[in-house]
Amino acid sequence: MLPEKESIRGVARATGHDKDTICRWLEIAGTHPKEVTDYFLINLNLKRVEVDEIWSYIKSKKM
């Protein structure tokens, strides 16, 4: 519901959970992708051109 632009309070009302619980779940959900990214992006030793190519690829895939 949050990715669909619902408010935290709206999600809390719809699910019957406290807004603090929703915030805690949101924090947990946001921490995992950061940990995965940090794990895979350590010591890549990329040149500037390679990084630019990666970002170009990522931007081309956005909808």
Protein backbone atom coordinates (compact mmCIF):
# COMPACT_ATOMS: atom_id res chain seq x y z
CA MET A 1 0.00 0.00 0.00
CA LEU A 2 2.86 2.39 0.74
CA PRO A 3 4.43 2.05 -2.72
CA GLU A 4 1.03 2.98 -4.15
CA LYS A 5 1.26 6.37 -2.38
CA GLU A 6 -0.88 5.50 0.60
CA SER A 7 -0.06 7.32 3.83
CA ILE A 8 1.30 5.55 6.88
CA ARG A 9 -1.84 6.43 8.81
CA GLY A 10 -4.00 5.17 5.94
CA VAL A 11 -2.15 1.85 5.89
CA ALA A 12 -2.50 1.61 9.66
CA ARG A 13 -6.26 2.15 9.45
CA ALA A 14 -6.69 -0.29 6.56
CA THR A 15 -4.67 -3.06 8.21
CA GLY A 16 -5.69 -2.48 11.81
CA HIS A 17 -2.08 -2.03 12.94
CA ASP A 18 -0.57 0.86 14.86
CA LYS A 19 1.25 3.49 12.78
CA ASP A 20 4.44 2.81 14.76
CA THR A 21 4.25 -0.82 13.66
CA ILE A 22 3.91 0.25 10.02
CA CYS A 23 6.92 2.56 10.41
CA ARG A 24 8.96 -0.27 11.95
CA TRP A 25 8.08 -2.61 9.07
CA LEU A 26 8.97 0.13 6.59
CA GLU A 27 12.37 0.57 8.23
CA ILE A 28 13.02 -3.19 8.10
CA ALA A 29 11.98 -3.35 4.44
CA GLY A 30 14.26 -0.43 3.58
CA THR A 31 17.28 -1.80 5.45
CA HIS A 32 17.49 -5.10 3.59
CA PRO A 33 18.04 -3.69 0.06
CA LYS A 34 20.73 -1.36 1.45
CA GLU A 35 22.53 -4.31 3.06
CA VAL A 36 22.37 -6.31 -0.19
CA THR A 37 23.66 -3.34 -2.21
CA ASP A 38 26.48 -2.68 0.25
CA TYR A 39 27.48 -6.36 0.13
CA PHE A 40 27.66 -6.58 -3.67
CA LEU A 41 29.16 -3.15 -4.37
CA ILE A 42 32.32 -3.43 -2.25
CA ASN A 43 35.75 -3.25 -3.89
CA LEU A 44 34.54 -3.29 -7.49
CA ASN A 45 37.50 -1.18 -8.69
CA LEU A 46 35.53 0.31 -11.56
CA LYS A 47 36.79 3.03 -13.83
CA ARG A 48 34.67 6.16 -14.28
CA VAL A 49 33.56 5.04 -17.75
CA GLU A 50 32.29 1.74 -16.37
CA VAL A 51 30.26 3.48 -13.67
CA ASP A 52 28.76 5.84 -16.28
CA GLU A 53 27.78 2.82 -18.39
CA ILE A 54 26.07 1.17 -15.43
CA TRP A 55 24.04 4.33 -14.70
CA SER A 56 23.13 4.69 -18.37
CA TYR A 57 21.80 1.13 -18.33
CA ILE A 58 19.83 1.72 -15.13
CA LYS A 59 18.30 4.95 -16.46
CA SER A 60 17.26 3.26 -19.72
CA LYS A 61 15.29 0.64 -17.75
CA LYS A 62 13.20 3.15 -15.80
CA MET A 63 9.58 3.36 -16.82
